[in-house]
């Protein structure tokens, strides 16, 4: 382990409480965040790891659907209860509830499959995009700012995230369009276990997925009074990939209404292999009614 990835790996190292009634119970720590709320990607990844502990290694996660119910508090650990809903010849289904102080903060259902052969196809990765090495890092953009969030995003996040063509941290440059792409890669090497890479990919998939909603209306993260929160998250893993190699995350928002925005994402390896698909709806509230005009 090395660099900021250490915190992620220790967070995913859950403790088995040994409790066995109708559920399997695990506990895990919360990563520090500058605003005091648990990062949604963290509790997603931990919930998936808890579910993975209850299925044989030859069955890998291929889909999950989860709802964020309450904000988590970084000052407290999280308890995960796993229901073994179904075990068939090829598929297993698990339900995980994440709790703090006796109240659920996340509920998800995940499906696992034993390896199988079948039809194969995928959409093509967008072409003519800049290489990640040619793009500025978050530290290049925010590193000089004296602000807790800027410092955290610059040096303490587990993933290097580089926007094409520019981020929306402080402002929105260029056209107001409901789509974007980012390169991302873990800061440091992960163990070879595929399940850790799939859980870590779920973690990273929550970083920027709602940004196309904001970009479409010229709303930056630094907009005073902006309130944004993930409501649900769905993900489908298509093929294995390492998160400590560069991955391209292509994102678009087909709709925003009623104080909510929907974003869809596709994740590719640098070689163009489609790794995963993502969907998330989030609450998006701005302080003025004309802010989206």
Protein backbone atom coordinates (compact mmCIF):
# COMPACT_ATOMS: atom_id res chain seq x y z
CA UNK A 1 0.00 0.00 0.00
CA UNK A 2 1.16 3.52 -0.69
CA UNK A 3 0.00 7.13 -0.71
CA UNK A 4 -3.64 8.21 -0.33
CA UNK A 5 -4.85 4.77 -1.41
CA UNK A 6 -3.91 3.45 2.05
CA UNK A 7 -6.96 5.11 3.58
CA UNK A 8 -9.29 3.55 1.03
CA UNK A 9 -7.86 0.06 1.49
CA UNK A 10 -8.08 0.27 5.28
CA UNK A 11 -11.68 1.50 4.98
CA UNK A 12 -12.56 -1.53 2.84
CA UNK A 13 -11.00 -3.90 5.39
CA UNK A 14 -14.21 -4.68 7.26
CA UNK A 15 -14.42 -6.49 10.57
CA UNK A 16 -16.59 -9.59 10.77
CA UNK A 17 -18.46 -9.37 14.07
CA UNK A 18 -19.14 -13.11 14.06
CA UNK A 19 -22.87 -12.51 14.49
CA UNK A 20 -24.91 -15.09 12.58
CA UNK A 21 -28.69 -14.99 12.97
CA UNK A 22 -30.64 -14.16 9.84
CA UNK A 23 -27.91 -11.74 8.70
CA UNK A 24 -24.13 -11.47 8.45
CA UNK A 25 -22.85 -8.42 10.36
CA UNK A 26 -19.70 -6.42 9.60
CA UNK A 27 -18.32 -3.09 10.77
CA UNK A 28 -16.05 -0.58 9.08
CA UNK A 29 -14.52 2.86 9.73
CA UNK A 30 -15.49 6.15 8.12
CA UNK A 31 -12.96 8.17 6.16
CA UNK A 32 -12.46 11.76 7.23
CA UNK A 33 -14.14 14.30 4.94
CA UNK A 34 -13.83 18.10 5.25
CA UNK A 35 -17.59 18.68 5.58
CA UNK A 36 -18.14 15.87 8.10
CA UNK A 37 -20.37 13.71 5.89
CA UNK A 38 -19.40 10.23 4.74
CA UNK A 39 -18.53 10.12 1.03
CA UNK A 40 -21.26 8.19 -0.78
CA UNK A 41 -18.76 6.17 -2.77
CA UNK A 42 -17.19 4.96 0.47
CA UNK A 43 -20.37 3.48 1.92
CA UNK A 44 -21.24 1.98 -1.49
CA UNK A 45 -17.87 0.23 -1.72
CA UNK A 46 -17.99 -0.99 1.89
CA UNK A 47 -21.53 -2.35 1.42
CA UNK A 48 -20.36 -4.26 -1.64
CA UNK A 49 -17.34 -5.67 0.20
CA UNK A 50 -19.66 -6.84 3.00
CA UNK A 51 -21.86 -8.62 0.45
CA UNK A 52 -18.79 -10.11 -1.28
CA UNK A 53 -17.74 -11.73 1.99
CA UNK A 54 -20.87 -13.91 1.85
CA UNK A 55 -20.44 -15.37 -1.66
CA UNK A 56 -17.79 -17.75 -3.04
CA UNK A 57 -14.86 -16.07 -4.78
CA UNK A 58 -15.82 -17.56 -8.15
CA UNK A 59 -19.02 -15.51 -8.12
CA UNK A 60 -18.26 -11.90 -9.01
CA UNK A 61 -20.48 -8.87 -8.66
CA UNK A 62 -22.11 -7.78 -11.92
CA UNK A 63 -24.78 -5.31 -10.78
CA UNK A 64 -26.01 -3.27 -7.83
CA UNK A 65 -28.85 -0.86 -7.11
CA UNK A 66 -28.70 1.27 -3.99
CA UNK A 67 -30.46 4.16 -2.25
CA UNK A 68 -28.80 6.75 -0.03
CA UNK A 69 -31.20 7.23 2.87
CA UNK A 70 -29.40 9.54 5.30
CA UNK A 71 -26.06 11.35 5.37
CA UNK A 72 -23.37 9.46 7.23
CA UNK A 73 -21.23 10.98 9.98
CA UNK A 74 -17.45 10.59 9.61
CA UNK A 75 -17.07 10.59 13.41
CA UNK A 76 -18.72 7.18 13.73
CA UNK A 77 -18.10 3.68 12.31
CA UNK A 78 -20.66 1.98 10.09
CA UNK A 79 -22.39 -1.37 10.63
CA UNK A 80 -23.29 -3.50 7.61
CA UNK A 81 -25.92 -6.24 7.68
CA UNK A 82 -26.09 -8.65 4.74
CA UNK A 83 -29.14 -10.75 3.88
CA UNK A 84 -28.43 -13.85 1.77
CA UNK A 85 -31.51 -13.51 -0.42
CA UNK A 86 -30.77 -16.10 -3.10
CA UNK A 87 -28.18 -18.65 -4.20
CA UNK A 88 -28.82 -20.41 -7.50
CA UNK A 89 -26.68 -22.47 -9.84
CA UNK A 90 -25.17 -19.38 -11.50
CA UNK A 91 -26.38 -16.31 -9.59
CA UNK A 92 -26.45 -15.09 -6.00
CA UNK A 93 -28.31 -12.06 -4.65
CA UNK A 94 -27.48 -10.11 -1.51
CA UNK A 95 -29.08 -7.17 0.27
CA UNK A 96 -26.87 -4.90 2.37
CA UNK A 97 -28.06 -2.26 4.82
CA UNK A 98 -25.54 0.22 6.21
CA UNK A 99 -26.32 1.66 9.68
CA UNK A 100 -25.07 4.40 11.96
CA UNK A 101 -26.52 4.92 15.43
CA UNK A 102 -29.16 2.27 14.68
CA UNK A 103 -30.51 4.08 11.59
CA UNK A 104 -30.01 2.98 7.97
CA UNK A 105 -27.95 5.34 5.80
CA UNK A 106 -27.81 3.13 2.68
CA UNK A 107 -29.76 0.17 1.33
CA UNK A 108 -28.65 -1.80 -1.71
CA UNK A 109 -29.17 -5.08 -3.54
CA UNK A 110 -26.28 -6.67 -5.43
CA UNK A 111 -26.17 -9.62 -7.82
CA UNK A 112 -23.24 -12.00 -8.32
CA UNK A 113 -22.60 -14.46 -11.14
CA UNK A 114 -20.40 -17.48 -11.66
CA UNK A 115 -18.32 -17.02 -14.83
CA UNK A 116 -20.09 -18.01 -18.04
CA UNK A 117 -19.72 -17.75 -21.83
CA UNK A 118 -22.18 -15.90 -24.04
CA UNK A 119 -22.70 -13.20 -26.64
CA UNK A 120 -20.16 -10.36 -26.69
CA UNK A 121 -20.39 -6.75 -27.90
CA UNK A 122 -19.82 -3.23 -26.57
CA UNK A 123 -20.13 0.40 -27.63
CA UNK A 124 -16.98 2.13 -28.79
CA UNK A 125 -14.98 4.48 -26.59
CA UNK A 126 -14.97 8.12 -27.77
CA UNK A 127 -11.96 8.86 -29.95
CA UNK A 128 -9.56 11.78 -30.30
CA UNK A 129 -9.44 12.55 -26.58
CA UNK A 130 -6.35 13.97 -24.87
CA UNK A 131 -4.14 11.60 -22.91
CA UNK A 132 -4.46 11.91 -19.12
CA UNK A 133 -0.79 12.87 -18.78
CA UNK A 134 -1.47 16.03 -20.82
CA UNK A 135 -4.20 17.27 -18.47
CA UNK A 136 -3.76 19.21 -15.21
CA UNK A 137 -4.24 17.44 -11.91
CA UNK A 138 -6.68 18.62 -9.27
CA UNK A 139 -3.67 19.77 -7.25
CA UNK A 140 -2.54 21.90 -10.20
CA UNK A 141 -5.91 23.67 -10.16
CA UNK A 142 -6.80 23.85 -6.47
CA UNK A 143 -3.52 23.27 -4.65
CA UNK A 144 -2.88 26.93 -3.85
CA UNK A 145 -6.30 27.56 -2.29
CA UNK A 146 -6.52 27.87 1.49
CA UNK A 147 -9.69 25.84 1.95
CA UNK A 148 -10.33 22.43 3.55
CA UNK A 149 -12.23 21.04 0.55
CA UNK A 150 -9.60 22.29 -1.92
CA UNK A 151 -6.81 20.71 0.15
CA UNK A 152 -8.69 17.42 0.43
CA UNK A 153 -9.49 17.21 -3.28
CA UNK A 154 -5.92 18.19 -4.15
CA UNK A 155 -3.90 15.80 -1.99
CA UNK A 156 -6.07 13.41 0.05
CA UNK A 157 -8.49 11.77 -2.37
CA UNK A 158 -7.71 8.16 -3.27
CA UNK A 159 -8.05 8.81 -7.02
CA UNK A 160 -6.36 11.12 -9.48
CA UNK A 161 -9.23 12.72 -11.46
CA UNK A 162 -8.46 14.77 -14.58
CA UNK A 163 -11.22 16.50 -16.53
CA UNK A 164 -11.56 16.80 -20.30
CA UNK A 165 -11.27 19.68 -21.09
CA UNK A 166 -11.65 21.53 -17.79
CA UNK A 167 -13.21 20.90 -14.35
CA UNK A 168 -16.11 22.83 -12.81
CA UNK A 169 -14.59 23.32 -9.36
CA UNK A 170 -14.41 27.13 -9.46
CA UNK A 171 -16.22 28.00 -12.69
CA UNK A 172 -17.61 26.51 -15.89
CA UNK A 173 -15.51 27.23 -18.96
CA UNK A 174 -16.73 26.63 -22.49
CA UNK A 175 -20.16 25.54 -23.67
CA UNK A 176 -22.91 24.69 -21.19
CA UNK A 177 -23.44 21.09 -22.23
CA UNK A 178 -24.91 18.14 -20.28
CA UNK A 179 -21.92 15.88 -20.84
CA UNK A 180 -18.25 15.52 -19.95
CA UNK A 181 -15.45 12.99 -19.58
CA UNK A 182 -12.75 12.46 -16.97
CA UNK A 183 -9.69 10.25 -16.70
CA UNK A 184 -9.24 8.63 -13.30
CA UNK A 185 -6.72 6.33 -11.65
CA UNK A 186 -6.00 5.28 -8.07
CA UNK A 187 -3.09 7.00 -6.31
CA UNK A 188 -1.08 3.86 -5.62
CA UNK A 189 -1.19 0.17 -6.39
CA UNK A 190 -4.02 -2.08 -5.20
CA UNK A 191 -3.80 -5.82 -4.47
CA UNK A 192 -4.59 -8.08 -7.42
CA UNK A 193 -7.95 -9.34 -6.05
CA UNK A 194 -10.59 -8.45 -8.70
CA UNK A 195 -13.29 -7.89 -6.07
CA UNK A 196 -11.27 -5.06 -4.51
CA UNK A 197 -10.94 -3.39 -7.90
CA UNK A 198 -14.68 -3.70 -8.54
CA UNK A 199 -15.48 -2.22 -5.12
CA UNK A 200 -12.94 0.57 -5.63
CA UNK A 201 -14.47 1.30 -9.04
CA UNK A 202 -17.86 1.77 -7.34
CA UNK A 203 -16.13 4.14 -4.91
CA UNK A 204 -14.66 6.26 -7.70
CA UNK A 205 -17.83 6.19 -9.80
CA UNK A 206 -19.47 8.56 -7.30
CA UNK A 207 -16.87 11.33 -7.60
CA UNK A 208 -18.08 13.25 -10.64
CA UNK A 209 -21.19 11.49 -11.96
CA UNK A 210 -23.54 14.42 -11.25
CA UNK A 211 -21.27 17.06 -12.75
CA UNK A 212 -22.96 17.00 -16.20
CA UNK A 213 -26.13 18.27 -14.49
CA UNK A 214 -24.20 21.27 -13.16
CA UNK A 215 -22.13 21.84 -16.31
CA UNK A 216 -25.28 22.05 -18.47
CA UNK A 217 -26.37 25.14 -16.51
CA UNK A 218 -23.05 26.79 -15.80
CA UNK A 219 -23.11 25.91 -12.10
CA UNK A 220 -19.73 25.33 -10.45
CA UNK A 221 -19.11 23.39 -7.23
CA UNK A 222 -18.13 26.67 -5.58
CA UNK A 223 -21.52 28.29 -6.28
CA UNK A 224 -22.69 29.85 -2.98
CA UNK A 225 -25.69 28.03 -1.54
CA UNK A 226 -25.44 25.04 -3.88
CA UNK A 227 -26.83 21.86 -2.30
CA UNK A 228 -26.23 18.55 -4.02
CA UNK A 229 -26.63 14.99 -2.72
CA UNK A 230 -26.76 11.53 -4.27
CA UNK A 231 -30.18 9.89 -4.02
CA UNK A 232 -29.56 6.52 -5.63
CA UNK A 233 -26.82 4.71 -7.52
CA UNK A 234 -26.91 1.82 -9.97
CA UNK A 235 -23.91 0.11 -11.50
CA UNK A 236 -23.21 -2.76 -13.88
CA UNK A 237 -19.76 -4.34 -14.17
CA UNK A 238 -19.15 -5.79 -17.63
CA UNK A 239 -15.49 -6.79 -17.54
CA UNK A 240 -12.54 -6.80 -15.16
CA UNK A 241 -10.15 -3.85 -15.04
CA UNK A 242 -7.57 -2.44 -12.67
CA UNK A 243 -8.43 0.88 -11.05
CA UNK A 244 -4.72 1.65 -10.64
CA UNK A 245 -4.50 2.01 -14.43
CA UNK A 246 -6.06 4.96 -16.25
CA UNK A 247 -9.80 4.65 -16.90
CA UNK A 248 -11.99 6.97 -18.97
CA UNK A 249 -15.33 7.91 -17.38
CA UNK A 250 -17.74 9.30 -20.00
CA UNK A 251 -20.80 11.00 -18.45
CA UNK A 252 -24.02 12.61 -19.63
CA UNK A 253 -27.22 13.98 -18.08
CA UNK A 254 -30.39 13.25 -20.10
CA UNK A 255 -32.70 15.15 -17.73
CA UNK A 256 -32.98 17.51 -14.78
CA UNK A 257 -36.30 18.53 -13.20
CA UNK A 258 -38.04 18.89 -9.85
CA UNK A 259 -34.80 19.63 -7.99
CA UNK A 260 -33.27 16.38 -9.24
CA UNK A 261 -30.80 15.52 -11.97
CA UNK A 262 -30.07 12.18 -13.67
CA UNK A 263 -26.62 11.23 -14.94
CA UNK A 264 -25.42 8.19 -16.86
CA UNK A 265 -21.84 7.03 -17.20
CA UNK A 266 -19.65 4.55 -19.05
CA UNK A 267 -16.19 3.53 -17.90
CA UNK A 268 -13.54 2.36 -20.38
CA UNK A 269 -9.96 1.15 -20.08
CA UNK A 270 -7.34 3.16 -21.90
CA UNK A 271 -7.40 0.48 -24.60
CA UNK A 272 -11.13 1.04 -25.20
CA UNK A 273 -12.63 -1.91 -23.28
CA UNK A 274 -16.02 -1.07 -21.71
CA UNK A 275 -15.65 -1.93 -18.03
CA UNK A 276 -18.84 -0.67 -16.38
CA UNK A 277 -21.99 1.41 -16.75
CA UNK A 278 -23.37 3.75 -14.07
CA UNK A 279 -26.59 5.64 -13.38
CA UNK A 280 -27.27 8.08 -10.56
CA UNK A 281 -30.00 10.54 -9.65
CA UNK A 282 -29.16 13.36 -7.29
CA UNK A 283 -30.80 16.24 -5.50
CA UNK A 284 -29.61 19.53 -7.01
CA UNK A 285 -30.73 22.78 -5.40
CA UNK A 286 -29.44 26.25 -6.22
CA UNK A 287 -30.14 29.42 -4.23
CA UNK A 288 -31.88 31.33 -7.05
CA UNK A 289 -34.62 30.19 -9.38
CA UNK A 290 -32.86 31.78 -12.37
CA UNK A 291 -29.52 30.07 -11.76
CA UNK A 292 -30.23 27.45 -14.40
CA UNK A 293 -31.35 29.97 -17.05
